Amino acid sequence: MRFEIVGKVVEIETFAAGSSIRELSRLRLIHGAGRWRKSRGVAQIRLVDGSIHRAELHWYESHGLGRFEVKLKRFLDS
């Protein structure tokens, strides 16, 4: 699903780091070596149809390289 992050990501929590990440070898191959972490947070997002929702997002990040592969996990508004 395509979306755009609107505003800041809040409630950021790292829940896997280093060898705890199943995709570590793929991340290093594609994006390069670094101290990789898998994190989650909550943000307002805009979908392709223009609607805005509050959602939980997951992503991989590495110091100096940035945030990669942001995934929409679930909508939080009712």
PDB file of N, CA and C in Angstrom:
ATOM      1  N   MET A   1       0.842  -1.172   0.000  1.00  0.00           N
ATOM      2  CA  MET A   1       0.000   0.000   0.000  1.00  0.00           C
ATOM      3  C   MET A   1       0.888   1.235   0.000  1.00  0.00           C
ATOM      4  N   ARG A   2       0.638   2.132  -0.874  1.00  0.00           N
ATOM      5  CA  ARG A   2       1.410   3.370  -0.977  1.00  0.00           C
ATOM      6  C   ARG A   2       0.874   4.399   0.000  1.00  0.00           C
ATOM      7  N   PHE A   3       1.795   5.118   0.647  1.00  0.00           N
ATOM      8  CA  PHE A   3       1.400   6.155   1.589  1.00  0.00           C
ATOM      9  C   PHE A   3       2.530   7.157   1.748  1.00  0.00           C
ATOM     10  N   GLU A   4       2.199   8.300   2.346  1.00  0.00           N
ATOM     11  CA  GLU A   4       3.163   9.356   2.624  1.00  0.00           C
ATOM     12  C   GLU A   4       3.047   9.703   4.106  1.00  0.00           C
ATOM     13  N   ILE A   5       4.176   9.816   4.787  1.00  0.00           N
ATOM     14  CA  ILE A   5       4.165  10.187   6.201  1.00  0.00           C
ATOM     15  C   ILE A   5       3.931  11.684   6.293  1.00  0.00           C
ATOM     16  N   VAL A   6       2.923  12.071   7.098  1.00  0.00           N
ATOM     17  CA  VAL A   6       2.577  13.469   7.290  1.00  0.00           C
ATOM     18  C   VAL A   6       2.940  13.831   8.738  1.00  0.00           C
ATOM     19  N   GLY A   7       3.868  14.732   8.928  1.00  0.00           N
ATOM     20  CA  GLY A   7       4.264  15.124  10.284  1.00  0.00           C
ATOM     21  C   GLY A   7       5.362  14.235  10.834  1.00  0.00           C
ATOM     22  N   LYS A   8       5.440  14.193  12.158  1.00  0.00           N
ATOM     23  CA  LYS A   8       6.506  13.464  12.837  1.00  0.00           C
ATOM     24  C   LYS A   8       6.076  12.057  13.231  1.00  0.00           C
ATOM     25  N   VAL A   9       7.059  11.167  13.309  1.00  0.00           N
ATOM     26  CA  VAL A   9       6.831   9.825  13.834  1.00  0.00           C
ATOM     27  C   VAL A   9       7.071   9.896  15.338  1.00  0.00           C
ATOM     28  N   VAL A  10       6.118   9.421  16.128  1.00  0.00           N
ATOM     29  CA  VAL A  10       6.212   9.478  17.588  1.00  0.00           C
ATOM     30  C   VAL A  10       6.161   8.070  18.169  1.00  0.00           C
ATOM     31  N   GLU A  11       6.384   7.969  19.461  1.00  0.00           N
ATOM     32  CA  GLU A  11       6.365   6.687  20.176  1.00  0.00           C
ATOM     33  C   GLU A  11       7.325   5.684  19.533  1.00  0.00           C
ATOM     34  N   ILE A  12       8.517   6.146  19.170  1.00  0.00           N
ATOM     35  CA  ILE A  12       9.500   5.291  18.497  1.00  0.00           C
ATOM     36  C   ILE A  12      10.100   4.311  19.489  1.00  0.00           C
ATOM     37  N   GLU A  13      10.167   3.060  19.071  1.00  0.00           N
ATOM     38  CA  GLU A  13      10.689   1.987  19.914  1.00  0.00           C
ATOM     39  C   GLU A  13      11.512   1.044  19.038  1.00  0.00           C
ATOM     40  N   THR A  14      12.733   0.733  19.467  1.00  0.00           N
ATOM     41  CA  THR A  14      13.558  -0.249  18.778  1.00  0.00           C
ATOM     42  C   THR A  14      13.257  -1.612  19.389  1.00  0.00           C
ATOM     43  N   PHE A  15      12.912  -2.587  18.562  1.00  0.00           N
ATOM     44  CA  PHE A  15      12.571  -3.895  19.111  1.00  0.00           C
ATOM     45  C   PHE A  15      13.461  -5.021  18.597  1.00  0.00           C
ATOM     46  N   ALA A  16      14.422  -4.718  17.721  1.00  0.00           N
ATOM     47  CA  ALA A  16      15.416  -5.713  17.297  1.00  0.00           C
ATOM     48  C   ALA A  16      16.668  -4.968  16.850  1.00  0.00           C
ATOM     49  N   ALA A  17      17.810  -5.552  17.139  1.00  0.00           N
ATOM     50  CA  ALA A  17      19.081  -4.927  16.738  1.00  0.00           C
ATOM     51  C   ALA A  17      20.099  -6.010  16.412  1.00  0.00           C
ATOM     52  N   GLY A  18      20.975  -5.695  15.479  1.00  0.00           N
ATOM     53  CA  GLY A  18      22.068  -6.608  15.130  1.00  0.00           C
ATOM     54  C   GLY A  18      21.587  -7.963  14.652  1.00  0.00           C
ATOM     55  N   SER A  19      22.139  -9.014  15.232  1.00  0.00           N
ATOM     56  CA  SER A  19      21.837 -10.380  14.783  1.00  0.00           C
ATOM     57  C   SER A  19      20.404 -10.816  15.086  1.00  0.00           C
ATOM     58  N   SER A  20      19.651 -10.048  15.851  1.00  0.00           N
ATOM     59  CA  SER A  20      18.236 -10.360  16.112  1.00  0.00           C
ATOM     60  C   SER A  20      17.356 -10.082  14.895  1.00  0.00           C
ATOM     61  N   ILE A  21      17.872  -9.372  13.918  1.00  0.00           N
ATOM     62  CA  ILE A  21      17.118  -9.040  12.710  1.00  0.00           C
ATOM     63  C   ILE A  21      17.279 -10.173  11.701  1.00  0.00           C
ATOM     64  N   ARG A  22      16.167 -10.775  11.281  1.00  0.00           N
ATOM     65  CA  ARG A  22      16.206 -11.889  10.346  1.00  0.00           C
ATOM     66  C   ARG A  22      16.732 -11.479   8.971  1.00  0.00           C
ATOM     67  N   GLU A  23      16.492 -10.242   8.585  1.00  0.00           N
ATOM     68  CA  GLU A  23      16.854  -9.748   7.257  1.00  0.00           C
ATOM     69  C   GLU A  23      18.229  -9.083   7.228  1.00  0.00           C
ATOM     70  N   LEU A  24      19.065  -9.297   8.219  1.00  0.00           N
ATOM     71  CA  LEU A  24      20.324  -8.566   8.362  1.00  0.00           C
ATOM     72  C   LEU A  24      21.251  -8.747   7.162  1.00  0.00           C
ATOM     73  N   SER A  25      21.426  -9.952   6.678  1.00  0.00           N
ATOM     74  CA  SER A  25      22.340 -10.172   5.549  1.00  0.00           C
ATOM     75  C   SER A  25      21.835  -9.460   4.290  1.00  0.00           C
ATOM     76  N   ARG A  26      20.530  -9.477   4.061  1.00  0.00           N
ATOM     77  CA  ARG A  26      19.959  -8.783   2.902  1.00  0.00           C
ATOM     78  C   ARG A  26      20.136  -7.277   3.026  1.00  0.00           C
ATOM     79  N   LEU A  27      19.908  -6.718   4.219  1.00  0.00           N
ATOM     80  CA  LEU A  27      20.079  -5.282   4.434  1.00  0.00           C
ATOM     81  C   LEU A  27      21.520  -4.859   4.176  1.00  0.00           C
ATOM     82  N   ARG A  28      22.469  -5.644   4.672  1.00  0.00           N
ATOM     83  CA  ARG A  28      23.881  -5.320   4.462  1.00  0.00           C
ATOM     84  C   ARG A  28      24.263  -5.418   2.987  1.00  0.00           C
ATOM     85  N   LEU A  29      23.709  -6.377   2.284  1.00  0.00           N
ATOM     86  CA  LEU A  29      24.005  -6.551   0.868  1.00  0.00           C
ATOM     87  C   LEU A  29      23.460  -5.380   0.037  1.00  0.00           C
ATOM     88  N   ILE A  30      22.224  -4.967   0.312  1.00  0.00           N
ATOM     89  CA  ILE A  30      21.571  -3.917  -0.476  1.00  0.00           C
ATOM     90  C   ILE A  30      22.021  -2.519  -0.064  1.00  0.00           C
ATOM     91  N   HIS A  31      22.036  -2.219   1.247  1.00  0.00           N
ATOM     92  CA  HIS A  31      22.241  -0.859   1.734  1.00  0.00           C
ATOM     93  C   HIS A  31      23.616  -0.608   2.341  1.00  0.00           C
ATOM     94  N   GLY A  32      24.364  -1.659   2.664  1.00  0.00           N
ATOM     95  CA  GLY A  32      25.699  -1.485   3.220  1.00  0.00           C
ATOM     96  C   GLY A  32      25.777  -1.865   4.689  1.00  0.00           C
ATOM     97  N   ALA A  33      27.009  -1.962   5.162  1.00  0.00           N
ATOM     98  CA  ALA A  33      27.253  -2.344   6.549  1.00  0.00           C
ATOM     99  C   ALA A  33      26.889  -1.190   7.474  1.00  0.00           C
ATOM    100  N   GLY A  34      26.515  -1.529   8.667  1.00  0.00           N
ATOM    101  CA  GLY A  34      26.159  -0.529   9.667  1.00  0.00           C
ATOM    102  C   GLY A  34      25.554  -1.213  10.873  1.00  0.00           C
ATOM    103  N   ARG A  35      25.238  -0.448  11.883  1.00  0.00           N
ATOM    104  CA  ARG A  35      24.577  -0.976  13.069  1.00  0.00           C
ATOM    105  C   ARG A  35      23.070  -0.921  12.828  1.00  0.00           C
ATOM    106  N   TRP A  36      22.519  -2.012  12.324  1.00  0.00           N
ATOM    107  CA  TRP A  36      21.124  -2.060  11.909  1.00  0.00           C
ATOM    108  C   TRP A  36      20.192  -2.298  13.095  1.00  0.00           C
ATOM    109  N   ARG A  37      19.053  -1.597  13.061  1.00  0.00           N
ATOM    110  CA  ARG A  37      18.001  -1.734  14.067  1.00  0.00           C
ATOM    111  C   ARG A  37      16.652  -1.794  13.364  1.00  0.00           C
ATOM    112  N   LYS A  38      15.716  -2.544  13.939  1.00  0.00           N
ATOM    113  CA  LYS A  38      14.343  -2.561  13.451  1.00  0.00           C
ATOM    114  C   LYS A  38      13.515  -1.816  14.482  1.00  0.00           C
ATOM    115  N   SER A  39      12.755  -0.819  14.019  1.00  0.00           N
ATOM    116  CA  SER A  39      12.014   0.050  14.925  1.00  0.00           C
ATOM    117  C   SER A  39      10.557   0.136  14.523  1.00  0.00           C
ATOM    118  N   ARG A  40       9.764   0.643  15.459  1.00  0.00           N
ATOM    119  CA  ARG A  40       8.348   0.897  15.192  1.00  0.00           C
ATOM    120  C   ARG A  40       7.989   2.260  15.763  1.00  0.00           C
ATOM    121  N   GLY A  41       6.936   2.847  15.214  1.00  0.00           N
ATOM    122  CA  GLY A  41       6.459   4.137  15.687  1.00  0.00           C
ATOM    123  C   GLY A  41       5.068   4.402  15.148  1.00  0.00           C
ATOM    124  N   VAL A  42       4.507   5.519  15.585  1.00  0.00           N
ATOM    125  CA  VAL A  42       3.153   5.902  15.194  1.00  0.00           C
ATOM    126  C   VAL A  42       3.230   7.238  14.461  1.00  0.00           C
ATOM    127  N   ALA A  43       2.497   7.354  13.358  1.00  0.00           N
ATOM    128  CA  ALA A  43       2.507   8.596  12.575  1.00  0.00           C
ATOM    129  C   ALA A  43       1.176   8.778  11.848  1.00  0.00           C
ATOM    130  N   GLN A  44       0.932  10.025  11.455  1.00  0.00           N
ATOM    131  CA  GLN A  44      -0.187  10.321  10.565  1.00  0.00           C
ATOM    132  C   GLN A  44       0.308  10.036   9.155  1.00  0.00           C
ATOM    133  N   ILE A  45      -0.488   9.326   8.362  1.00  0.00           N
ATOM    134  CA  ILE A  45      -0.108   9.023   6.983  1.00  0.00           C
ATOM    135  C   ILE A  45      -1.219   9.442   6.037  1.00  0.00           C
ATOM    136  N   ARG A  46      -0.841   9.753   4.796  1.00  0.00           N
ATOM    137  CA  ARG A  46      -1.803  10.075   3.745  1.00  0.00           C
ATOM    138  C   ARG A  46      -1.756   8.962   2.715  1.00  0.00           C
ATOM    139  N   LEU A  47      -2.889   8.357   2.466  1.00  0.00           N
ATOM    140  CA  LEU A  47      -2.989   7.298   1.470  1.00  0.00           C
ATOM    141  C   LEU A  47      -3.138   7.900   0.072  1.00  0.00           C
ATOM    142  N   VAL A  48      -3.059   7.070  -0.944  1.00  0.00           N
ATOM    143  CA  VAL A  48      -3.157   7.510  -2.329  1.00  0.00           C
ATOM    144  C   VAL A  48      -4.482   8.216  -2.598  1.00  0.00           C
ATOM    145  N   ASP A  49      -5.548   7.767  -1.944  1.00  0.00           N
ATOM    146  CA  ASP A  49      -6.864   8.379  -2.169  1.00  0.00           C
ATOM    147  C   ASP A  49      -7.032   9.714  -1.442  1.00  0.00           C
ATOM    148  N   GLY A  50      -6.007  10.159  -0.697  1.00  0.00           N
ATOM    149  CA  GLY A  50      -6.047  11.446  -0.019  1.00  0.00           C
ATOM    150  C   GLY A  50      -6.503  11.392   1.427  1.00  0.00           C
ATOM    151  N   SER A  51      -6.977  10.252   1.882  1.00  0.00           N
ATOM    152  CA  SER A  51      -7.435  10.143   3.266  1.00  0.00           C
ATOM    153  C   SER A  51      -6.238  10.091   4.212  1.00  0.00           C
ATOM    154  N   ILE A  52      -6.422  10.655   5.407  1.00  0.00           N
ATOM    155  CA  ILE A  52      -5.360  10.699   6.408  1.00  0.00           C
ATOM    156  C   ILE A  52      -5.747   9.808   7.575  1.00  0.00           C
ATOM    157  N   HIS A  53      -4.798   8.974   8.017  1.00  0.00           N
ATOM    158  CA  HIS A  53      -5.033   8.028   9.093  1.00  0.00           C
ATOM    159  C   HIS A  53      -3.855   8.032  10.048  1.00  0.00           C
ATOM    160  N   ARG A  54      -4.106   7.596  11.272  1.00  0.00           N
ATOM    161  CA  ARG A  54      -3.042   7.358  12.241  1.00  0.00           C
ATOM    162  C   ARG A  54      -2.694   5.873  12.136  1.00  0.00           C
ATOM    163  N   ALA A  55      -1.387   5.567  12.014  1.00  0.00           N
ATOM    164  CA  ALA A  55      -0.998   4.187  11.759  1.00  0.00           C
ATOM    165  C   ALA A  55       0.294   3.823  12.465  1.00  0.00           C
ATOM    166  N   GLU A  56       0.468   2.516  12.697  1.00  0.00           N
ATOM    167  CA  GLU A  56       1.723   1.993  13.223  1.00  0.00           C
ATOM    168  C   GLU A  56       2.610   1.633  12.037  1.00  0.00           C
ATOM    169  N   LEU A  57       3.861   2.081  12.086  1.00  0.00           N
ATOM    170  CA  LEU A  57       4.818   1.837  11.023  1.00  0.00           C
ATOM    171  C   LEU A  57       6.004   1.060  11.567  1.00  0.00           C
ATOM    172  N   HIS A  58       6.598   0.205  10.746  1.00  0.00           N
ATOM    173  CA  HIS A  58       7.837  -0.500  11.086  1.00  0.00           C
ATOM    174  C   HIS A  58       8.865  -0.146  10.016  1.00  0.00           C
ATOM    175  N   TRP A  59      10.149  -0.087  10.394  1.00  0.00           N
ATOM    176  CA  TRP A  59      11.210   0.209   9.441  1.00  0.00           C
ATOM    177  C   TRP A  59      12.543  -0.284   9.968  1.00  0.00           C
ATOM    178  N   TYR A  60      13.536  -0.326   9.061  1.00  0.00           N
ATOM    179  CA  TYR A  60      14.920  -0.637   9.408  1.00  0.00           C
ATOM    180  C   TYR A  60      15.690   0.673   9.348  1.00  0.00           C
ATOM    181  N   GLU A  61      16.650   0.851  10.243  1.00  0.00           N
ATOM    182  CA  GLU A  61      17.479   2.041  10.187  1.00  0.00           C
ATOM    183  C   GLU A  61      18.890   1.710  10.638  1.00  0.00           C
ATOM    184  N   SER A  62      19.833   2.493  10.126  1.00  0.00           N
ATOM    185  CA  SER A  62      21.226   2.335  10.497  1.00  0.00           C
ATOM    186  C   SER A  62      21.821   3.724  10.655  1.00  0.00           C
ATOM    187  N   HIS A  63      22.632   3.908  11.677  1.00  0.00           N
ATOM    188  CA  HIS A  63      23.264   5.189  11.928  1.00  0.00           C
ATOM    189  C   HIS A  63      24.127   5.578  10.727  1.00  0.00           C
ATOM    190  N   GLY A  64      23.935   6.778  10.239  1.00  0.00           N
ATOM    191  CA  GLY A  64      24.696   7.259   9.099  1.00  0.00           C
ATOM    192  C   GLY A  64      24.090   6.908   7.751  1.00  0.00           C
ATOM    193  N   LEU A  65      23.242   5.905   7.699  1.00  0.00           N
ATOM    194  CA  LEU A  65      22.610   5.504   6.441  1.00  0.00           C
ATOM    195  C   LEU A  65      21.169   5.975   6.350  1.00  0.00           C
ATOM    196  N   GLY A  66      20.445   5.968   7.468  1.00  0.00           N
ATOM    197  CA  GLY A  66      19.071   6.450   7.472  1.00  0.00           C
ATOM    198  C   GLY A  66      18.037   5.361   7.660  1.00  0.00           C
ATOM    199  N   ARG A  67      16.797   5.703   7.314  1.00  0.00           N
ATOM    200  CA  ARG A  67      15.627   4.846   7.496  1.00  0.00           C
ATOM    201  C   ARG A  67      15.257   4.213   6.159  1.00  0.00           C
ATOM    202  N   PHE A  68      15.035   2.896   6.169  1.00  0.00           N
ATOM    203  CA  PHE A  68      14.733   2.170   4.932  1.00  0.00           C
ATOM    204  C   PHE A  68      13.528   1.267   5.125  1.00  0.00           C
ATOM    205  N   GLU A  69      12.836   1.007   4.030  1.00  0.00           N
ATOM    206  CA  GLU A  69      11.757   0.032   3.971  1.00  0.00           C
ATOM    207  C   GLU A  69      10.676   0.264   5.031  1.00  0.00           C
ATOM    208  N   VAL A  70      10.093   1.446   5.017  1.00  0.00           N
ATOM    209  CA  VAL A  70       9.016   1.772   5.949  1.00  0.00           C
ATOM    210  C   VAL A  70       7.774   1.002   5.534  1.00  0.00           C
ATOM    211  N   LYS A  71       7.192   0.260   6.489  1.00  0.00           N
ATOM    212  CA  LYS A  71       6.029  -0.586   6.215  1.00  0.00           C
ATOM    213  C   LYS A  71       4.857  -0.157   7.091  1.00  0.00           C
ATOM    214  N   LEU A  72       3.695  -0.134   6.513  1.00  0.00           N
ATOM    215  CA  LEU A  72       2.459   0.129   7.245  1.00  0.00           C
ATOM    216  C   LEU A  72       1.996  -1.175   7.863  1.00  0.00           C
ATOM    217  N   LYS A  73       1.895  -1.229   9.196  1.00  0.00           N
ATOM    218  CA  LYS A  73       1.491  -2.458   9.870  1.00  0.00           C
ATOM    219  C   LYS A  73       0.007  -2.483  10.205  1.00  0.00           C
ATOM    220  N   ARG A  74      -0.509  -1.360  10.741  1.00  0.00           N
ATOM    221  CA  ARG A  74      -1.945  -1.364  11.052  1.00  0.00           C
ATOM    222  C   ARG A  74      -2.429   0.064  11.269  1.00  0.00           C
ATOM    223  N   PHE A  75      -3.728   0.268  11.023  1.00  0.00           N
ATOM    224  CA  PHE A  75      -4.362   1.560  11.290  1.00  0.00           C
ATOM    225  C   PHE A  75      -4.760   1.614  12.754  1.00  0.00           C
ATOM    226  N   LEU A  76      -4.585   2.777  13.385  1.00  0.00           N
ATOM    227  CA  LEU A  76      -4.890   2.910  14.802  1.00  0.00           C
ATOM    228  C   LEU A  76      -6.162   3.711  15.066  1.00  0.00           C
ATOM    229  N   ASP A  77      -6.678   4.418  14.061  1.00  0.00           N
ATOM    230  CA  ASP A  77      -7.927   5.151  14.290  1.00  0.00           C
ATOM    231  C   ASP A  77      -9.120   4.231  14.052  1.00  0.00           C
ATOM    232  N   SER A  78     -10.189   4.534  14.734  1.00  0.00           N
ATOM    233  CA  SER A  78     -11.356   3.653  14.648  1.00  0.00           C
ATOM    234  C   SER A  78     -12.398   4.159  13.690  1.00  0.00           C
TER     235      SER A  78
END
